[in-house]
Amino acid sequence: QHRTIRVWLKRDSGQYWPSIYHTMSSPCSAMAYHHDSRRIFVGQDNGAIMEFHVSEDFNKINFVKTYPAHQNRVSAIIFCLTSEWVISTGHDKCVSWMCTRSGSMLGRHYFTSWASCLQYDYETQHAFVGDYSGQITLLKLEQNTCSVITTLKGHEGSITSLWWDPVQRLLFSGASDHSIIMWDIGGRKGRTLLLQGHHDKVQAICYIQLTRQLVSCSADGGIAVWNMDISREEAPQWLESDSCQKCEQPFFWNIKQMWDTKTLGLRQHHCRKCGQAVCGKCSTKRSSYPIMGFEFQVRVCDSCFESIKDEDRTSLATFHEGKHNISHMSMDISRGLMVTCGSDRVVKIWDMTPVVGCSLATGFSSR
């Protein structure tokens, strides 16, 4: 936010020191770095994206061009080398894609809410855009136009992070409702898996395809590593009813049944395991149910509670403390390293090999 780009190099002492310290005209809000070409694209609060080229020794940075991408803060950037496109989302409620050769705008698509995060399939030119309304839009980008393929609705809060796995064709979304959803795009069955294990908004996610693990980070500093290599159950849709589906007592808006039975209406709840609408007396128990994504205790009806065995409560994720508000995360899967940066202005580098993967699957070994 104090308008600087820095490149940190590890010195012989083992400490990191900035080799480049470049000041921008406006606070920086998003960044994309292409390692092979050493090109950096930096989005700013004023809506512009600036491209730089870093020297081979990482001691110099050269300005290339400015792209007039948005009218407001840039929220996410992706660079595609094959098409020479830079694709971005912003708080002006749009996704834009521009030609990096000419610097000209190719196309824009507008949404009803701030566009907050972005993922892109390089092979098929499909873009996934999450917004502040909690909706994800799948777009097919063309040279000068685009078409809406579908919209995904499942979160109750704004979308804060997206991750696309082009191999299994899975989309993962994290949101301010503290939850993660896995969308099976390639399966064409509309299958969705809900994961709830954070106590604050999910700020960053990364799926490790080789080991079938999902790493997620939240605003309270929580880091979760989810085991996705098992058969999980899909959370049920919540059923609608005017009376408890267990004891048939009326809910408080069911005036007719309350009058007929001379009883007071009850509050409606839902069992997280079966989805039935139940009253408080028929859902007095709480239980975790990790196979459905519920890593901490949630409301279940009494009959579902009886059906859950002790082994069904075994956690399918490991939880770790980041010890700072994690606002961004990046994984180097080949080396098992993770970088987090937080609102405390601290950047941390993590050795993740003890908790993710093995030498056979990923080429790195625990140390």
Foldseek 3Di string as FASTA:
>chain_A
DQAWDFDWDQDPVRDTDTLDTDGHPAAWAEWDADPVQQKIWTWGQQQKIWIWHADPVRNDIGTDDIANGDRGGWQYWDAQPVQQWIWTFFQNQKIWIAHNVVSDTQEIDGDPGGFHEWDADNPQGWIWTWGQCQKIWIWRDDRRDIDTDDMDHDDNGGWQEWDADPVQGWIWTWGQVQKIKIFRPPVPPRAIAIAHDGPGTWQYWDADVLQRWIWTAAQQQKIKIFRRPDQADEWDAADDDQAAPPPRAGAQVCVVVCVVVVHHHAHWDAARRPNGTHGCVQFVDWAAQPSRNRLDTDTHGPVVVVVQDPVRNDHRMDMDGRPARFNDKDAPQLQQKMWTAHPVRDIDIDRRQVPDDACVRRVYHDD
